[in-house]
PDB file of N, CA and C in Angstrom:
ATOM      1  N   MET A   1     137.458  81.528 -13.188  1.00  0.00           N
ATOM      2  CA  MET A   1     138.714  82.181 -12.915  1.00  0.00           C
ATOM      3  C   MET A   1     138.730  82.650 -11.470  1.00  0.00           C
ATOM      4  N   THR A   2     139.823  82.447 -10.831  1.00  0.00           N
ATOM      5  CA  THR A   2     139.969  82.887  -9.455  1.00  0.00           C
ATOM      6  C   THR A   2     141.285  83.628  -9.322  1.00  0.00           C
ATOM      7  N   GLY A   3     141.410  84.324  -8.227  1.00  0.00           N
ATOM      8  CA  GLY A   3     142.655  85.040  -7.973  1.00  0.00           C
ATOM      9  C   GLY A   3     142.572  86.480  -8.421  1.00  0.00           C
ATOM     10  N   LYS A   4     143.727  87.155  -8.437  1.00  0.00           N
ATOM     11  CA  LYS A   4     143.734  88.586  -8.724  1.00  0.00           C
ATOM     12  C   LYS A   4     143.387  88.887 -10.176  1.00  0.00           C
ATOM     13  N   TRP A   5     143.671  87.975 -11.126  1.00  0.00           N
ATOM     14  CA  TRP A   5     143.373  88.263 -12.517  1.00  0.00           C
ATOM     15  C   TRP A   5     141.876  88.241 -12.793  1.00  0.00           C
ATOM     16  N   SER A   6     141.121  87.368 -12.131  1.00  0.00           N
ATOM     17  CA  SER A   6     139.681  87.344 -12.361  1.00  0.00           C
ATOM     18  C   SER A   6     139.046  88.629 -11.868  1.00  0.00           C
ATOM     19  N   THR A   7     139.506  89.152 -10.745  1.00  0.00           N
ATOM     20  CA  THR A   7     138.976  90.408 -10.231  1.00  0.00           C
ATOM     21  C   THR A   7     139.341  91.550 -11.170  1.00  0.00           C
ATOM     22  N   PHE A   8     140.552  91.544 -11.691  1.00  0.00           N
ATOM     23  CA  PHE A   8     140.990  92.591 -12.599  1.00  0.00           C
ATOM     24  C   PHE A   8     140.206  92.562 -13.902  1.00  0.00           C
ATOM     25  N   LEU A   9     139.995  91.384 -14.466  1.00  0.00           N
ATOM     26  CA  LEU A   9     139.326  91.277 -15.754  1.00  0.00           C
ATOM     27  C   LEU A   9     137.837  91.577 -15.672  1.00  0.00           C
ATOM     28  N   LEU A  10     137.215  91.324 -14.558  1.00  0.00           N
ATOM     29  CA  LEU A  10     135.774  91.534 -14.429  1.00  0.00           C
ATOM     30  C   LEU A  10     135.414  92.886 -13.842  1.00  0.00           C
ATOM     31  N   ARG A  11     136.388  93.667 -13.448  1.00  0.00           N
ATOM     32  CA  ARG A  11     136.141  94.949 -12.819  1.00  0.00           C
ATOM     33  C   ARG A  11     135.785  95.992 -13.866  1.00  0.00           C
ATOM     34  N   PRO A  12     134.788  96.870 -13.590  1.00  0.00           N
ATOM     35  CA  PRO A  12     134.490  97.943 -14.524  1.00  0.00           C
ATOM     36  C   PRO A  12     135.675  98.893 -14.632  1.00  0.00           C
ATOM     37  N   SER A  13     135.789  99.571 -15.775  1.00  0.00           N
ATOM     38  CA  SER A  13     136.951 100.420 -16.009  1.00  0.00           C
ATOM     39  C   SER A  13     136.911 101.705 -15.182  1.00  0.00           C
ATOM     40  N   VAL A  14     135.760 102.172 -14.771  1.00  0.00           N
ATOM     41  CA  VAL A  14     135.636 103.409 -14.008  1.00  0.00           C
ATOM     42  C   VAL A  14     134.817 103.123 -12.759  1.00  0.00           C
ATOM     43  N   GLY A  15     135.154 103.731 -11.663  1.00  0.00           N
ATOM     44  CA  GLY A  15     134.381 103.605 -10.440  1.00  0.00           C
ATOM     45  C   GLY A  15     135.047 102.690  -9.440  1.00  0.00           C
ATOM     46  N   PRO A  16     134.410 102.542  -8.301  1.00  0.00           N
ATOM     47  CA  PRO A  16     134.987 101.707  -7.247  1.00  0.00           C
ATOM     48  C   PRO A  16     134.937 100.229  -7.622  1.00  0.00           C
ATOM     49  N   ALA A  17     135.726  99.455  -6.922  1.00  0.00           N
ATOM     50  CA  ALA A  17     135.744  98.012  -7.144  1.00  0.00           C
ATOM     51  C   ALA A  17     134.387  97.424  -6.766  1.00  0.00           C
ATOM     52  N   PRO A  18     133.888  96.471  -7.540  1.00  0.00           N
ATOM     53  CA  PRO A  18     132.579  95.886  -7.232  1.00  0.00           C
ATOM     54  C   PRO A  18     132.641  94.963  -6.024  1.00  0.00           C
ATOM     55  N   GLY A  19     131.477  94.749  -5.426  1.00  0.00           N
ATOM     56  CA  GLY A  19     131.365  93.817  -4.328  1.00  0.00           C
ATOM     57  C   GLY A  19     131.410  92.391  -4.854  1.00  0.00           C
ATOM     58  N   PRO A  20     131.279  91.400  -3.986  1.00  0.00           N
ATOM     59  CA  PRO A  20     131.429  90.005  -4.416  1.00  0.00           C
ATOM     60  C   PRO A  20     130.383  89.559  -5.429  1.00  0.00           C
ATOM     61  N   ASN A  21     129.177  90.121  -5.403  1.00  0.00           N
ATOM     62  CA  ASN A  21     128.121  89.705  -6.326  1.00  0.00           C
ATOM     63  C   ASN A  21     127.843  90.756  -7.391  1.00  0.00           C
ATOM     64  N   GLN A  22     128.765  91.686  -7.600  1.00  0.00           N
ATOM     65  CA  GLN A  22     128.513  92.777  -8.523  1.00  0.00           C
ATOM     66  C   GLN A  22     129.473  92.784  -9.700  1.00  0.00           C
ATOM     67  N   TYR A  23     130.017  91.640 -10.059  1.00  0.00           N
ATOM     68  CA  TYR A  23     130.880  91.579 -11.231  1.00  0.00           C
ATOM     69  C   TYR A  23     130.059  91.810 -12.484  1.00  0.00           C
ATOM     70  N   ILE A  24     130.710  92.270 -13.511  1.00  0.00           N
ATOM     71  CA  ILE A  24     130.016  92.534 -14.763  1.00  0.00           C
ATOM     72  C   ILE A  24     129.419  91.230 -15.278  1.00  0.00           C
ATOM     73  N   GLY A  25     128.143  91.248 -15.586  1.00  0.00           N
ATOM     74  CA  GLY A  25     127.481  90.086 -16.130  1.00  0.00           C
ATOM     75  C   GLY A  25     126.973  89.088 -15.102  1.00  0.00           C
ATOM     76  N   ALA A  26     127.195  89.336 -13.833  1.00  0.00           N
ATOM     77  CA  ALA A  26     126.761  88.365 -12.824  1.00  0.00           C
ATOM     78  C   ALA A  26     125.244  88.230 -12.808  1.00  0.00           C
ATOM     79  N   GLU A  27     124.513  89.325 -13.052  1.00  0.00           N
ATOM     80  CA  GLU A  27     123.052  89.243 -13.035  1.00  0.00           C
ATOM     81  C   GLU A  27     122.513  88.584 -14.299  1.00  0.00           C
ATOM     82  N   ASP A  28     123.299  88.570 -15.366  1.00  0.00           N
ATOM     83  CA  ASP A  28     122.858  87.959 -16.611  1.00  0.00           C
ATOM     84  C   ASP A  28     123.232  86.488 -16.724  1.00  0.00           C
ATOM     85  N   ARG A  29     124.025  85.982 -15.804  1.00  0.00           N
ATOM     86  CA  ARG A  29     124.500  84.602 -15.895  1.00  0.00           C
ATOM     87  C   ARG A  29     123.333  83.618 -15.895  1.00  0.00           C
ATOM     88  N   GLY A  30     122.342  83.844 -15.039  1.00  0.00           N
ATOM     89  CA  GLY A  30     121.183  82.958 -14.987  1.00  0.00           C
ATOM     90  C   GLY A  30     120.366  83.022 -16.259  1.00  0.00           C
ATOM     91  N   THR A  31     120.193  84.206 -16.827  1.00  0.00           N
ATOM     92  CA  THR A  31     119.415  84.357 -18.045  1.00  0.00           C
ATOM     93  C   THR A  31     120.073  83.640 -19.215  1.00  0.00           C
ATOM     94  N   ILE A  32     121.372  83.733 -19.326  1.00  0.00           N
ATOM     95  CA  ILE A  32     122.082  83.064 -20.412  1.00  0.00           C
ATOM     96  C   ILE A  32     121.994  81.550 -20.243  1.00  0.00           C
ATOM     97  N   MET A  33     122.119  81.086 -19.017  1.00  0.00           N
ATOM     98  CA  MET A  33     122.025  79.647 -18.775  1.00  0.00           C
ATOM     99  C   MET A  33     120.615  79.148 -19.061  1.00  0.00           C
ATOM    100  N   ASP A  34     119.592  79.922 -18.702  1.00  0.00           N
ATOM    101  CA  ASP A  34     118.215  79.537 -19.007  1.00  0.00           C
ATOM    102  C   ASP A  34     117.996  79.449 -20.511  1.00  0.00           C
ATOM    103  N   LEU A  35     118.530  80.402 -21.252  1.00  0.00           N
ATOM    104  CA  LEU A  35     118.403  80.383 -22.704  1.00  0.00           C
ATOM    105  C   LEU A  35     119.116  79.167 -23.291  1.00  0.00           C
ATOM    106  N   PHE A  36     120.263  78.832 -22.747  1.00  0.00           N
ATOM    107  CA  PHE A  36     121.003  77.656 -23.207  1.00  0.00           C
ATOM    108  C   PHE A  36     120.195  76.380 -22.969  1.00  0.00           C
ATOM    109  N   VAL A  37     119.553  76.272 -21.809  1.00  0.00           N
ATOM    110  CA  VAL A  37     118.712  75.100 -21.508  1.00  0.00           C
ATOM    111  C   VAL A  37     117.541  75.043 -22.486  1.00  0.00           C
ATOM    112  N   GLN A  38     116.933  76.187 -22.781  1.00  0.00           N
ATOM    113  CA  GLN A  38     115.820  76.220 -23.719  1.00  0.00           C
ATOM    114  C   GLN A  38     116.267  75.813 -25.122  1.00  0.00           C
ATOM    115  N   LEU A  39     117.451  76.258 -25.543  1.00  0.00           N
ATOM    116  CA  LEU A  39     117.980  75.875 -26.851  1.00  0.00           C
ATOM    117  C   LEU A  39     118.186  74.367 -26.952  1.00  0.00           C
ATOM    118  N   ILE A  40     118.842  73.809 -25.937  1.00  0.00           N
ATOM    119  CA  ILE A  40     119.154  72.380 -25.959  1.00  0.00           C
ATOM    120  C   ILE A  40     117.879  71.541 -25.960  1.00  0.00           C
ATOM    121  N   PHE A  41     116.963  71.844 -25.041  1.00  0.00           N
ATOM    122  CA  PHE A  41     115.752  71.028 -24.961  1.00  0.00           C
ATOM    123  C   PHE A  41     114.792  71.311 -26.105  1.00  0.00           C
ATOM    124  N   GLY A  42     114.867  72.495 -26.710  1.00  0.00           N
ATOM    125  CA  GLY A  42     114.102  72.749 -27.920  1.00  0.00           C
ATOM    126  C   GLY A  42     114.583  71.870 -29.062  1.00  0.00           C
ATOM    127  N   ALA A  43     115.906  71.752 -29.210  1.00  0.00           N
ATOM    128  CA  ALA A  43     116.461  70.890 -30.254  1.00  0.00           C
ATOM    129  C   ALA A  43     116.088  69.428 -30.010  1.00  0.00           C
ATOM    130  N   VAL A  44     116.142  69.013 -28.748  1.00  0.00           N
ATOM    131  CA  VAL A  44     115.750  67.632 -28.413  1.00  0.00           C
ATOM    132  C   VAL A  44     114.268  67.427 -28.700  1.00  0.00           C
ATOM    133  N   GLY A  45     113.441  68.395 -28.327  1.00  0.00           N
ATOM    134  CA  GLY A  45     112.006  68.292 -28.592  1.00  0.00           C
ATOM    135  C   GLY A  45     111.701  68.245 -30.082  1.00  0.00           C
ATOM    136  N   GLY A  46     112.400  69.063 -30.862  1.00  0.00           N
ATOM    137  CA  GLY A  46     112.200  69.034 -32.306  1.00  0.00           C
ATOM    138  C   GLY A  46     112.612  67.700 -32.913  1.00  0.00           C
ATOM    139  N   SER A  47     113.727  67.168 -32.453  1.00  0.00           N
ATOM    140  CA  SER A  47     114.188  65.869 -32.975  1.00  0.00           C
ATOM    141  C   SER A  47     113.234  64.746 -32.607  1.00  0.00           C
ATOM    142  N   LEU A  48     112.788  64.727 -31.351  1.00  0.00           N
ATOM    143  CA  LEU A  48     111.835  63.688 -30.945  1.00  0.00           C
ATOM    144  C   LEU A  48     110.479  63.879 -31.614  1.00  0.00           C
ATOM    145  N   GLY A  49     110.097  65.136 -31.835  1.00  0.00           N
ATOM    146  CA  GLY A  49     108.857  65.395 -32.563  1.00  0.00           C
ATOM    147  C   GLY A  49     108.929  64.875 -33.988  1.00  0.00           C
ATOM    148  N   GLY A  50     110.099  65.007 -34.620  1.00  0.00           N
ATOM    149  CA  GLY A  50     110.281  64.466 -35.961  1.00  0.00           C
ATOM    150  C   GLY A  50     110.195  62.951 -35.986  1.00  0.00           C
ATOM    151  N   LEU A  51     110.648  62.310 -34.889  1.00  0.00           N
ATOM    152  CA  LEU A  51     110.535  60.852 -34.808  1.00  0.00           C
ATOM    153  C   LEU A  51     109.101  60.411 -34.537  1.00  0.00           C
ATOM    154  N   MET A  52     108.377  61.179 -33.726  1.00  0.00           N
ATOM    155  CA  MET A  52     106.994  60.822 -33.392  1.00  0.00           C
ATOM    156  C   MET A  52     106.051  61.065 -34.565  1.00  0.00           C
ATOM    157  N   PHE A  53     106.248  62.183 -35.254  1.00  0.00           N
ATOM    158  CA  PHE A  53     105.372  62.566 -36.362  1.00  0.00           C
ATOM    159  C   PHE A  53     106.166  62.474 -37.665  1.00  0.00           C
ATOM    160  N   ARG A  54     106.322  61.286 -38.169  1.00  0.00           N
ATOM    161  CA  ARG A  54     107.146  61.062 -39.358  1.00  0.00           C
ATOM    162  C   ARG A  54     106.638  61.865 -40.565  1.00  0.00           C
ATOM    163  N   ASN A  55     105.331  62.038 -40.684  1.00  0.00           N
ATOM    164  CA  ASN A  55     104.794  62.772 -41.828  1.00  0.00           C
ATOM    165  C   ASN A  55     105.061  64.274 -41.739  1.00  0.00           C
ATOM    166  N   LEU A  56     105.444  64.776 -40.566  1.00  0.00           N
ATOM    167  CA  LEU A  56     105.745  66.198 -40.399  1.00  0.00           C
ATOM    168  C   LEU A  56     107.239  66.477 -40.321  1.00  0.00           C
ATOM    169  N   SER A  57     108.052  65.450 -40.438  1.00  0.00           N
ATOM    170  CA  SER A  57     109.495  65.597 -40.270  1.00  0.00           C
ATOM    171  C   SER A  57     110.088  66.503 -41.340  1.00  0.00           C
ATOM    172  N   LEU A  58     111.097  67.279 -40.947  1.00  0.00           N
ATOM    173  CA  LEU A  58     111.736  68.248 -41.841  1.00  0.00           C
ATOM    174  C   LEU A  58     113.195  67.916 -42.097  1.00  0.00           C
ATOM    175  N   THR A  59     113.619  66.717 -41.968  1.00  0.00           N
ATOM    176  CA  THR A  59     115.006  66.249 -41.956  1.00  0.00           C
ATOM    177  C   THR A  59     115.589  66.516 -40.575  1.00  0.00           C
ATOM    178  N   THR A  60     116.691  65.928 -40.284  1.00  0.00           N
ATOM    179  CA  THR A  60     117.280  66.044 -38.942  1.00  0.00           C
ATOM    180  C   THR A  60     117.639  67.484 -38.609  1.00  0.00           C
ATOM    181  N   VAL A  61     118.286  68.168 -39.537  1.00  0.00           N
ATOM    182  CA  VAL A  61     118.683  69.555 -39.284  1.00  0.00           C
ATOM    183  C   VAL A  61     117.459  70.450 -39.176  1.00  0.00           C
ATOM    184  N   GLY A  62     116.486  70.259 -40.046  1.00  0.00           N
ATOM    185  CA  GLY A  62     115.262  71.053 -39.986  1.00  0.00           C
ATOM    186  C   GLY A  62     114.500  70.850 -38.691  1.00  0.00           C
ATOM    187  N   ASN A  63     114.435  69.608 -38.225  1.00  0.00           N
ATOM    188  CA  ASN A  63     113.772  69.326 -36.948  1.00  0.00           C
ATOM    189  C   ASN A  63     114.474  70.047 -35.807  1.00  0.00           C
ATOM    190  N   CYS A  64     115.806  69.992 -35.796  1.00  0.00           N
ATOM    191  CA  CYS A  64     116.567  70.659 -34.732  1.00  0.00           C
ATOM    192  C   CYS A  64     116.383  72.173 -34.777  1.00  0.00           C
ATOM    193  N   LEU A  65     116.442  72.762 -35.984  1.00  0.00           N
ATOM    194  CA  LEU A  65     116.284  74.219 -36.102  1.00  0.00           C
ATOM    195  C   LEU A  65     114.879  74.666 -35.690  1.00  0.00           C
ATOM    196  N   ALA A  66     113.861  73.939 -36.137  1.00  0.00           N
ATOM    197  CA  ALA A  66     112.499  74.276 -35.722  1.00  0.00           C
ATOM    198  C   ALA A  66     112.347  74.118 -34.214  1.00  0.00           C
ATOM    199  N   GLY A  67     112.967  73.094 -33.661  1.00  0.00           N
ATOM    200  CA  GLY A  67     112.912  72.883 -32.217  1.00  0.00           C
ATOM    201  C   GLY A  67     113.615  73.979 -31.445  1.00  0.00           C
ATOM    202  N   ILE A  68     114.761  74.444 -31.947  1.00  0.00           N
ATOM    203  CA  ILE A  68     115.491  75.520 -31.275  1.00  0.00           C
ATOM    204  C   ILE A  68     114.667  76.799 -31.255  1.00  0.00           C
ATOM    205  N   VAL A  69     114.066  77.146 -32.395  1.00  0.00           N
ATOM    206  CA  VAL A  69     113.231  78.353 -32.448  1.00  0.00           C
ATOM    207  C   VAL A  69     112.047  78.204 -31.500  1.00  0.00           C
ATOM    208  N   GLY A  70     111.371  77.075 -31.567  1.00  0.00           N
ATOM    209  CA  GLY A  70     110.222  76.846 -30.688  1.00  0.00           C
ATOM    210  C   GLY A  70     110.601  76.808 -29.227  1.00  0.00           C
ATOM    211  N   GLY A  71     111.743  76.213 -28.930  1.00  0.00           N
ATOM    212  CA  GLY A  71     112.194  76.146 -27.545  1.00  0.00           C
ATOM    213  C   GLY A  71     112.477  77.513 -26.961  1.00  0.00           C
ATOM    214  N   CYS A  72     113.117  78.367 -27.736  1.00  0.00           N
ATOM    215  CA  CYS A  72     113.411  79.720 -27.248  1.00  0.00           C
ATOM    216  C   CYS A  72     112.130  80.530 -27.055  1.00  0.00           C
ATOM    217  N   VAL A  73     111.256  80.491 -28.047  1.00  0.00           N
ATOM    218  CA  VAL A  73     110.020  81.283 -27.972  1.00  0.00           C
ATOM    219  C   VAL A  73     109.130  80.787 -26.840  1.00  0.00           C
ATOM    220  N   ALA A  74     108.859  79.495 -26.805  1.00  0.00           N
ATOM    221  CA  ALA A  74     107.973  78.950 -25.776  1.00  0.00           C
ATOM    222  C   ALA A  74     108.597  79.051 -24.390  1.00  0.00           C
ATOM    223  N   GLY A  75     109.899  78.853 -24.290  1.00  0.00           N
ATOM    224  CA  GLY A  75     110.563  78.982 -22.997  1.00  0.00           C
ATOM    225  C   GLY A  75     110.451  80.391 -22.432  1.00  0.00           C
ATOM    226  N   GLN A  76     110.636  81.391 -23.295  1.00  0.00           N
ATOM    227  CA  GLN A  76     110.521  82.770 -22.839  1.00  0.00           C
ATOM    228  C   GLN A  76     109.072  83.132 -22.510  1.00  0.00           C
ATOM    229  N   LEU A  77     108.131  82.670 -23.330  1.00  0.00           N
ATOM    230  CA  LEU A  77     106.716  82.938 -23.041  1.00  0.00           C
ATOM    231  C   LEU A  77     106.300  82.290 -21.727  1.00  0.00           C
ATOM    232  N   LEU A  78     106.714  81.051 -21.514  1.00  0.00           N
ATOM    233  CA  LEU A  78     106.376  80.354 -20.277  1.00  0.00           C
ATOM    234  C   LEU A  78     107.023  81.033 -19.078  1.00  0.00           C
ATOM    235  N   ARG A  79     108.251  81.484 -19.241  1.00  0.00           N
ATOM    236  CA  ARG A  79     108.966  82.167 -18.164  1.00  0.00           C
ATOM    237  C   ARG A  79     108.252  83.473 -17.784  1.00  0.00           C
ATOM    238  N   ASN A  80     107.753  84.207 -18.778  1.00  0.00           N
ATOM    239  CA  ASN A  80     107.121  85.494 -18.510  1.00  0.00           C
ATOM    240  C   ASN A  80     105.658  85.366 -18.104  1.00  0.00           C
ATOM    241  N   ALA A  81     105.001  84.273 -18.464  1.00  0.00           N
ATOM    242  CA  ALA A  81     103.568  84.148 -18.222  1.00  0.00           C
ATOM    243  C   ALA A  81     103.222  83.424 -16.925  1.00  0.00           C
ATOM    244  N   THR A  82     104.076  82.545 -16.455  1.00  0.00           N
ATOM    245  CA  THR A  82     103.734  81.740 -15.289  1.00  0.00           C
ATOM    246  C   THR A  82     104.871  81.728 -14.283  1.00  0.00           C
ATOM    247  N   THR A  83     104.566  81.221 -13.107  1.00  0.00           N
ATOM    248  CA  THR A  83     105.612  81.092 -12.095  1.00  0.00           C
ATOM    249  C   THR A  83     106.424  79.826 -12.302  1.00  0.00           C
ATOM    250  N   ILE A  84     105.874  78.852 -13.048  1.00  0.00           N
ATOM    251  CA  ILE A  84     106.648  77.632 -13.289  1.00  0.00           C
ATOM    252  C   ILE A  84     107.841  77.921 -14.198  1.00  0.00           C
ATOM    253  N   GLY A  85     107.785  79.009 -14.942  1.00  0.00           N
ATOM    254  CA  GLY A  85     108.878  79.345 -15.837  1.00  0.00           C
ATOM    255  C   GLY A  85     110.077  79.948 -15.140  1.00  0.00           C
ATOM    256  N   ASN A  86     110.029  80.126 -13.836  1.00  0.00           N
ATOM    257  CA  ASN A  86     111.133  80.751 -13.126  1.00  0.00           C
ATOM    258  C   ASN A  86     112.147  79.750 -12.613  1.00  0.00           C
ATOM    259  N   ASN A  87     112.109  78.549 -13.098  1.00  0.00           N
ATOM    260  CA  ASN A  87     113.085  77.554 -12.672  1.00  0.00           C
ATOM    261  C   ASN A  87     113.454  76.662 -13.850  1.00  0.00           C
ATOM    262  N   VAL A  88     114.322  75.734 -13.614  1.00  0.00           N
ATOM    263  CA  VAL A  88     114.819  74.866 -14.683  1.00  0.00           C
ATOM    264  C   VAL A  88     113.705  73.995 -15.248  1.00  0.00           C
ATOM    265  N   VAL A  89     112.765  73.575 -14.420  1.00  0.00           N
ATOM    266  CA  VAL A  89     111.661  72.743 -14.901  1.00  0.00           C
ATOM    267  C   VAL A  89     110.859  73.487 -15.965  1.00  0.00           C
ATOM    268  N   GLY A  90     110.607  74.765 -15.742  1.00  0.00           N
ATOM    269  CA  GLY A  90     109.892  75.572 -16.725  1.00  0.00           C
ATOM    270  C   GLY A  90     110.672  75.738 -18.010  1.00  0.00           C
ATOM    271  N   ASP A  91     111.981  75.915 -17.897  1.00  0.00           N
ATOM    272  CA  ASP A  91     112.812  76.041 -19.091  1.00  0.00           C
ATOM    273  C   ASP A  91     112.824  74.751 -19.895  1.00  0.00           C
ATOM    274  N   VAL A  92     112.935  73.627 -19.208  1.00  0.00           N
ATOM    275  CA  VAL A  92     112.949  72.323 -19.880  1.00  0.00           C
ATOM    276  C   VAL A  92     111.597  72.065 -20.539  1.00  0.00           C
ATOM    277  N   ALA A  93     110.519  72.274 -19.800  1.00  0.00           N
ATOM    278  CA  ALA A  93     109.180  72.026 -20.351  1.00  0.00           C
ATOM    279  C   ALA A  93     108.885  72.963 -21.515  1.00  0.00           C
ATOM    280  N   GLY A  94     109.192  74.245 -21.348  1.00  0.00           N
ATOM    281  CA  GLY A  94     108.953  75.201 -22.421  1.00  0.00           C
ATOM    282  C   GLY A  94     109.775  74.893 -23.653  1.00  0.00           C
ATOM    283  N   GLY A  95     111.038  74.545 -23.460  1.00  0.00           N
ATOM    284  CA  GLY A  95     111.891  74.210 -24.588  1.00  0.00           C
ATOM    285  C   GLY A  95     111.424  72.962 -25.307  1.00  0.00           C
ATOM    286  N   PHE A  96     111.131  71.944 -24.561  1.00  0.00           N
ATOM    287  CA  PHE A  96     110.728  70.662 -25.141  1.00  0.00           C
ATOM    288  C   PHE A  96     109.395  70.779 -25.873  1.00  0.00           C
ATOM    289  N   LEU A  97     108.387  71.315 -25.201  1.00  0.00           N
ATOM    290  CA  LEU A  97     107.062  71.428 -25.809  1.00  0.00           C
ATOM    291  C   LEU A  97     107.049  72.433 -26.951  1.00  0.00           C
ATOM    292  N   GLY A  98     107.772  73.541 -26.787  1.00  0.00           N
ATOM    293  CA  GLY A  98     107.849  74.521 -27.865  1.00  0.00           C
ATOM    294  C   GLY A  98     108.504  73.950 -29.104  1.00  0.00           C
ATOM    295  N   GLY A  99     109.522  73.125 -28.908  1.00  0.00           N
ATOM    296  CA  GLY A  99     110.173  72.478 -30.046  1.00  0.00           C
ATOM    297  C   GLY A  99     109.225  71.587 -30.813  1.00  0.00           C
ATOM    298  N   ILE A 100     108.417  70.826 -30.101  1.00  0.00           N
ATOM    299  CA  ILE A 100     107.457  69.933 -30.752  1.00  0.00           C
ATOM    300  C   ILE A 100     106.364  70.727 -31.461  1.00  0.00           C
ATOM    301  N   VAL A 101     105.856  71.778 -30.809  1.00  0.00           N
ATOM    302  CA  VAL A 101     104.765  72.558 -31.400  1.00  0.00           C
ATOM    303  C   VAL A 101     105.211  73.269 -32.671  1.00  0.00           C
ATOM    304  N   VAL A 102     106.373  73.915 -32.638  1.00  0.00           N
ATOM    305  CA  VAL A 102     106.832  74.623 -33.838  1.00  0.00           C
ATOM    306  C   VAL A 102     107.146  73.625 -34.952  1.00  0.00           C
ATOM    307  N   LEU A 103     107.716  72.488 -34.616  1.00  0.00           N
ATOM    308  CA  LEU A 103     107.955  71.466 -35.629  1.00  0.00           C
ATOM    309  C   LEU A 103     106.636  71.045 -36.273  1.00  0.00           C
ATOM    310  N   ALA A 104     105.597  70.846 -35.473  1.00  0.00           N
ATOM    311  CA  ALA A 104     104.298  70.436 -36.017  1.00  0.00           C
ATOM    312  C   ALA A 104     103.716  71.517 -36.920  1.00  0.00           C
ATOM    313  N   ILE A 105     103.813  72.778 -36.507  1.00  0.00           N
ATOM    314  CA  ILE A 105     103.271  73.877 -37.315  1.00  0.00           C
ATOM    315  C   ILE A 105     104.006  73.976 -38.651  1.00  0.00           C
ATOM    316  N   VAL A 106     105.329  73.963 -38.607  1.00  0.00           N
ATOM    317  CA  VAL A 106     106.117  74.055 -39.839  1.00  0.00           C
ATOM    318  C   VAL A 106     105.890  72.822 -40.714  1.00  0.00           C
ATOM    319  N   GLY A 107     105.759  71.664 -40.101  1.00  0.00           N
ATOM    320  CA  GLY A 107     105.489  70.444 -40.869  1.00  0.00           C
ATOM    321  C   GLY A 107     104.145  70.492 -41.570  1.00  0.00           C
ATOM    322  N   PHE A 108     103.109  71.005 -40.880  1.00  0.00           N
ATOM    323  CA  PHE A 108     101.792  71.142 -41.510  1.00  0.00           C
ATOM    324  C   PHE A 108     101.862  72.108 -42.687  1.00  0.00           C
ATOM    325  N   ILE A 109     102.566  73.219 -42.514  1.00  0.00           N
ATOM    326  CA  ILE A 109     102.700  74.197 -43.599  1.00  0.00           C
ATOM    327  C   ILE A 109     103.448  73.574 -44.779  1.00  0.00           C
ATOM    328  N   LYS A 110     104.523  72.863 -44.487  1.00  0.00           N
ATOM    329  CA  LYS A 110     105.293  72.192 -45.555  1.00  0.00           C
ATOM    330  C   LYS A 110     104.420  71.204 -46.316  1.00  0.00           C
ATOM    331  N   ASN A 111     103.675  70.387 -45.582  1.00  0.00           N
ATOM    332  CA  ASN A 111     102.813  69.396 -46.229  1.00  0.00           C
ATOM    333  C   ASN A 111     101.700  70.061 -47.048  1.00  0.00           C
ATOM    334  N   ALA A 112     101.178  71.163 -46.572  1.00  0.00           N
ATOM    335  CA  ALA A 112     100.134  71.863 -47.314  1.00  0.00           C
ATOM    336  C   ALA A 112     100.687  72.458 -48.602  1.00  0.00           C
ATOM    337  N   LEU A 113     101.897  73.006 -48.543  1.00  0.00           N
ATOM    338  CA  LEU A 113     102.492  73.594 -49.750  1.00  0.00           C
ATOM    339  C   LEU A 113     102.901  72.514 -50.755  1.00  0.00           C
ATOM    340  N   VAL A 114     103.415  71.405 -50.274  1.00  0.00           N
ATOM    341  CA  VAL A 114     103.814  70.317 -51.167  1.00  0.00           C
ATOM    342  C   VAL A 114     102.581  69.675 -51.788  1.00  0.00           C
ATOM    343  N   GLY A 115     101.477  69.606 -51.025  1.00  0.00           N
ATOM    344  CA  GLY A 115     100.248  69.003 -51.533  1.00  0.00           C
ATOM    345  C   GLY A 115      99.597  69.825 -52.642  1.00  0.00           C
ATOM    346  N   GLN A 116      99.878  71.135 -52.694  1.00  0.00           N
ATOM    347  CA  GLN A 116      99.285  72.004 -53.718  1.00  0.00           C
ATOM    348  C   GLN A 116      99.969  71.850 -55.059  1.00  0.00           C
ATOM    349  N   GLN A 117     101.181  71.339 -55.100  1.00  0.00           N
ATOM    350  CA  GLN A 117     101.927  71.286 -56.354  1.00  0.00           C
ATOM    351  C   GLN A 117     101.447  70.179 -57.245  1.00  0.00           C
TER     352      GLN A 117
END
């Protein structure tokens, strides 16, 4: 949004008008985008992990959900633990690898529980 309405809508209700980089949510924009990248690549990692490890597959939806959870967790851990996590490459790697790892863990647990019956 540009023009006078974008300034009006993003301005805090009390206090002076914000500077050019001080709109509400401007500091969180990068964090939300990083989380979105981790979600997407986690889902992709979970889906590809299900294709690579057919015996651990949890159905298409299950693979995507496990990948999303793994992507978010691993992406945030990688971001907080290393300097590589401070850019898009870290988000992509954390999301992708986390998706595969969580899919493998959940698949092993599923197979162990099904094997006991």
